[in-house]
Amino acid sequence: MRSFFAALDTLDADSVAAFFAPDALVRLPGSAPISGRLAIRKALVWLSLAVDELRHQPVKLWTSGRLSVFDADVTLALADHTALAFPVTHVIRWTGDLIEEARVDVYLESRLALALSAFDRLR
């Protein structure tokens, strides 16, 4: 898991894609599933074009058999110099040493609540 997230944080599409099985599936909130290592690599290339920096700060890792659940605080620096920070949960199913399926749950509600509270203070 550490190696996977270290590779993900480098935004190196080839290194990250190598962790996935050829027919792997990635589920991201609000989008259609990404199916297959080549499509996953392509999505990572697009991500690397929009993101200057990606950092996962581990919070908790649970692993049991073929299932891993990883909670992290993510910091994202976009190409337009916008910075975002939010919690995520990665749910990963393994086939041997390769990822068979990955689901990423992003929790933006906490950031939205903070932004709205700042707006309320200005009124």
Foldseek 3Di string as FASTA:
>chain_A
DVQLQVVVQVLQLVSNLVQADQQAWEAEPPDDIQTGSVSSSVVSVVVVQFWVGKDWAWDDWDDDPQKIKTKTWMWTQTPVRDIDIWIKIWIFGDDVRHTRYIYIDTDCVVVVVVVVVVVVVVD
